[in-house]
Amino acid sequence: MADTEAIVPHAKLKPYNKNRDVFLAKEMFDKCRYEIDCIYAQRLLYGLIQSLDQTTDLFPEWDLEINDLFKYLNIETNNSKYTIVRDAFKKLQENPLQWQISDRRWGFISWFTTVEYDEKKSNKVRVCLNDKAKPYLLTFKSYVKFKTEYYMKLGTLYSTWLYPYFKNNEYKGNFTVTIEKLKEWTFTEKDKSYNPEFNPSANKDFLKRVLGIKHNR
């Protein structure tokens, strides 16, 4: 009997649309963290979430048009676009979703189980999302919502990273957040340059270098 290739169901994908909202589970910010020091990896994560069909519970293999990924990352005219896509996936895989309650209670969740691309066979990147990451990639009842066209205009890693936090509090009109909390969100709390114990201008430097804000007393 001849071998037959197993039929693998594919997730329903939405076409790229810069006006579509991205929905991020608040749990990604309130309980867990993920540290990504690459703006393209950050854009890629938002782009993947934007194109997922939020009405399905299916998490099978997923084929993504390479040209759509160029659009998600805003690198269509970049000569290194293929390398950028590969490195963005690699960066996400190297920086899993993580949480730590204490030294004896912590964990990690990888975003993918496999990612493959072979131009000789297809113009699509085959992605298999980790089933355990599902709750953080499919919409919860509680979520942060923002539009693709806005985060794509942001030019720095920190602005892309913090945008969902501030967007989530937009309805308040005005709200207060401590500098210590901002350092925690940007993973700079352990940087001596932004620690007042080591640098008298730590907070001023943090506001200027990380947030792009000039400090006025």
Protein backbone atom coordinates (compact mmCIF):
# COMPACT_ATOMS: atom_id res chain seq x y z
CA MET A 1 0.00 0.00 0.00
CA ALA A 2 1.47 3.36 -1.04
CA ASP A 3 2.28 5.89 1.64
CA THR A 4 -0.09 8.80 1.77
CA GLU A 5 0.65 12.19 3.25
CA ALA A 6 -1.44 13.03 6.28
CA ILE A 7 -3.94 15.81 5.72
CA VAL A 8 -3.21 18.61 8.16
CA PRO A 9 -5.95 21.20 8.71
CA HIS A 10 -4.88 24.80 8.27
CA ALA A 11 -5.99 27.76 10.33
CA LYS A 12 -8.27 30.26 8.70
CA LEU A 13 -6.27 33.43 8.09
CA LYS A 14 -7.39 36.97 7.52
CA PRO A 15 -5.65 38.90 4.72
CA TYR A 16 -3.33 41.72 5.73
CA ASN A 17 -5.22 44.93 6.50
CA LYS A 18 -3.52 47.92 8.09
CA ASN A 19 -6.88 49.17 9.42
CA ARG A 20 -7.72 45.98 11.32
CA ASP A 21 -7.53 45.96 15.09
CA VAL A 22 -5.02 43.84 16.98
CA PHE A 23 -6.34 42.21 20.14
CA LEU A 24 -3.86 41.29 22.86
CA ALA A 25 -4.88 39.41 26.00
CA LYS A 26 -4.32 41.62 29.05
CA GLU A 27 -2.80 38.58 30.73
CA MET A 28 0.20 39.07 28.46
CA PHE A 29 0.90 42.26 30.40
CA ASP A 30 -0.72 41.80 33.81
CA LYS A 31 0.62 38.35 34.68
CA CYS A 32 3.27 37.47 32.12
CA ARG A 33 6.09 39.13 30.27
CA TYR A 34 8.08 38.50 27.16
CA GLU A 35 11.35 40.25 26.43
CA ILE A 36 11.99 41.10 22.78
CA ASP A 37 14.85 43.42 21.88
CA CYS A 38 14.01 43.58 18.17
CA ILE A 39 11.35 45.86 16.68
CA TYR A 40 10.75 43.45 13.78
CA ALA A 41 10.03 40.57 16.17
CA GLN A 42 7.59 42.81 18.04
CA ARG A 43 5.83 43.76 14.79
CA LEU A 44 5.77 40.13 13.73
CA LEU A 45 4.01 39.07 16.92
CA TYR A 46 1.37 41.78 16.47
CA GLY A 47 0.99 40.84 12.80
CA LEU A 48 0.47 37.16 13.59
CA ILE A 49 -2.18 38.01 16.16
CA GLN A 50 -3.88 40.39 13.73
CA SER A 51 -4.23 37.72 11.05
CA LEU A 52 -5.48 34.90 13.28
CA ASP A 53 -9.15 34.04 13.07
CA GLN A 54 -10.27 34.82 16.61
CA THR A 55 -13.47 32.79 16.23
CA THR A 56 -11.72 29.44 15.85
CA ASP A 57 -10.12 27.22 18.44
CA LEU A 58 -7.99 25.50 15.80
CA PHE A 59 -4.23 25.68 16.19
CA PRO A 60 -2.76 23.56 13.39
CA GLU A 61 0.04 24.27 10.94
CA TRP A 62 -0.19 27.70 9.40
CA ASP A 63 1.05 28.85 5.98
CA LEU A 64 1.90 32.55 5.68
CA GLU A 65 2.64 34.28 2.39
CA ILE A 66 6.17 35.67 2.57
CA ASN A 67 4.96 38.90 0.91
CA ASP A 68 2.35 39.36 3.62
CA LEU A 69 5.07 39.04 6.24
CA PHE A 70 7.01 41.79 4.48
CA LYS A 71 3.89 43.97 4.84
CA TYR A 72 3.45 43.07 8.52
CA LEU A 73 7.02 44.14 9.19
CA ASN A 74 6.92 47.17 6.88
CA ILE A 75 10.07 45.99 5.04
CA GLU A 76 8.79 45.54 1.48
CA THR A 77 11.60 47.69 0.02
CA ASN A 78 14.34 46.46 2.36
CA ASN A 79 17.10 44.50 0.60
CA SER A 80 17.51 42.29 3.68
CA LYS A 81 13.81 41.47 4.04
CA TYR A 82 14.22 37.66 3.87
CA THR A 83 16.88 37.74 6.57
CA ILE A 84 14.77 40.09 8.69
CA VAL A 85 11.80 37.69 8.56
CA ARG A 86 13.98 34.73 9.54
CA ASP A 87 15.65 36.63 12.38
CA ALA A 88 12.30 37.98 13.65
CA PHE A 89 10.91 34.45 13.99
CA LYS A 90 14.16 33.33 15.62
CA LYS A 91 14.05 36.23 18.08
CA LEU A 92 10.47 35.37 19.09
CA GLN A 93 11.45 31.75 19.61
CA GLU A 94 14.43 32.77 21.75
CA ASN A 95 12.20 34.97 23.94
CA PRO A 96 9.22 32.95 25.19
CA LEU A 97 6.26 34.18 27.14
CA GLN A 98 7.32 33.97 30.78
CA TRP A 99 6.07 34.44 34.28
CA GLN A 100 7.66 34.34 37.72
CA ILE A 101 5.73 34.37 40.96
CA SER A 102 8.76 33.46 43.06
CA ASP A 103 12.10 31.65 42.75
CA ARG A 104 10.16 28.40 43.12
CA ARG A 105 7.18 29.26 40.94
CA TRP A 106 7.94 30.29 37.34
CA GLY A 107 7.57 29.09 33.76
CA PHE A 108 8.07 29.69 30.03
CA ILE A 109 5.90 29.12 26.96
CA SER A 110 7.47 29.02 23.49
CA TRP A 111 5.48 30.77 20.76
CA PHE A 112 6.10 28.10 18.09
CA THR A 113 6.90 24.41 17.83
CA THR A 114 8.30 24.78 14.28
CA VAL A 115 8.90 27.48 11.65
CA GLU A 116 10.06 26.58 8.12
CA TYR A 117 10.60 28.33 4.77
CA ASP A 118 11.92 26.84 1.54
CA GLU A 119 11.61 29.12 -1.50
CA LYS A 120 12.17 26.17 -3.88
CA LYS A 121 9.02 24.49 -2.60
CA SER A 122 6.72 27.39 -1.77
CA ASN A 123 6.47 31.15 -1.26
CA LYS A 124 4.93 30.53 2.15
CA VAL A 125 6.41 30.27 5.63
CA ARG A 126 5.01 27.26 7.45
CA VAL A 127 4.40 28.00 11.13
CA CYS A 128 3.14 25.72 13.87
CA LEU A 129 2.03 27.75 16.87
CA ASN A 130 2.44 26.25 20.31
CA ASP A 131 -0.93 25.08 21.58
CA LYS A 132 -0.07 26.24 25.09
CA ALA A 133 0.36 29.80 23.82
CA LYS A 134 -3.22 29.75 22.50
CA PRO A 135 -4.82 31.57 25.47
CA TYR A 136 -2.48 34.52 24.93
CA LEU A 137 -2.92 34.73 21.15
CA LEU A 138 -6.66 34.22 20.86
CA THR A 139 -8.88 36.95 22.25
CA PHE A 140 -9.88 36.81 25.90
CA LYS A 141 -12.93 38.65 27.23
CA SER A 142 -10.41 41.11 28.61
CA TYR A 143 -8.09 42.51 25.97
CA VAL A 144 -6.07 45.47 24.72
CA LYS A 145 -7.15 46.74 21.28
CA PHE A 146 -5.17 48.90 18.85
CA LYS A 147 -4.87 49.37 15.09
CA THR A 148 -2.06 48.00 12.94
CA GLU A 149 -1.58 51.26 11.02
CA TYR A 150 -0.65 53.09 14.22
CA TYR A 151 1.93 50.71 15.69
CA MET A 152 3.52 50.33 12.24
CA LYS A 153 4.37 54.06 12.33
CA LEU A 154 6.27 53.73 15.59
CA GLY A 155 10.00 53.82 15.00
CA THR A 156 11.58 52.43 18.17
CA LEU A 157 11.37 49.16 20.05
CA TYR A 158 10.28 50.78 23.31
CA SER A 159 7.50 52.83 21.69
CA THR A 160 6.16 49.71 19.97
CA TRP A 161 6.38 47.79 23.22
CA LEU A 162 4.68 50.41 25.42
CA TYR A 163 1.98 51.45 22.95
CA PRO A 164 -0.50 48.71 24.02
CA TYR A 165 -0.14 49.70 27.68
CA PHE A 166 -1.00 53.32 27.03
CA LYS A 167 -3.67 52.49 24.47
CA ASN A 168 -5.38 50.29 27.03
CA ASN A 169 -5.67 53.27 29.41
CA GLU A 170 -6.76 55.79 26.77
CA TYR A 171 -10.37 55.72 27.96
CA LYS A 172 -9.31 57.21 31.31
CA GLY A 173 -8.25 60.47 29.69
CA ASN A 174 -5.50 60.94 32.29
CA PHE A 175 -3.75 58.27 34.29
CA THR A 176 -0.60 57.92 36.38
CA VAL A 177 2.16 55.35 36.04
CA THR A 178 5.37 55.27 38.08
CA ILE A 179 8.80 55.44 36.50
CA GLU A 180 9.62 52.21 38.34
CA LYS A 181 6.71 50.48 36.60
CA LEU A 182 7.83 51.81 33.22
CA LYS A 183 11.30 50.42 33.86
CA GLU A 184 9.78 47.05 34.69
CA TRP A 185 7.68 47.07 31.50
CA THR A 186 10.72 47.93 29.36
CA PHE A 187 13.01 45.41 31.10
CA THR A 188 15.42 48.18 32.07
CA GLU A 189 14.95 47.97 35.84
CA LYS A 190 18.25 46.09 36.25
CA ASP A 191 20.24 48.50 34.08
CA LYS A 192 22.59 50.48 36.35
CA SER A 193 22.30 53.46 33.99
CA TYR A 194 18.68 53.83 35.10
CA ASN A 195 19.21 53.02 38.76
CA PRO A 196 19.38 56.15 41.01
CA GLU A 197 21.71 54.29 43.38
CA PHE A 198 24.38 54.22 40.68
CA ASN A 199 23.45 57.22 38.53
CA PRO A 200 22.10 60.51 39.99
CA SER A 201 20.53 61.26 36.58
CA ALA A 202 19.05 57.78 36.21
CA ASN A 203 15.38 58.77 35.92
CA LYS A 204 16.13 61.74 33.69
CA ASP A 205 18.24 59.55 31.41
CA PHE A 206 15.53 56.87 31.37
CA LEU A 207 12.83 59.33 30.32
CA LYS A 208 15.04 60.76 27.59
CA ARG A 209 16.72 57.63 26.18
CA VAL A 210 13.96 55.06 26.60
CA LEU A 211 10.79 57.13 26.31
CA GLY A 212 12.09 60.11 24.37
CA ILE A 213 10.72 62.53 26.97
CA LYS A 214 12.58 65.60 28.23
CA HIS A 215 12.18 65.88 31.98
CA ASN A 216 10.91 69.14 33.48
CA ARG A 217 10.61 69.63 37.21
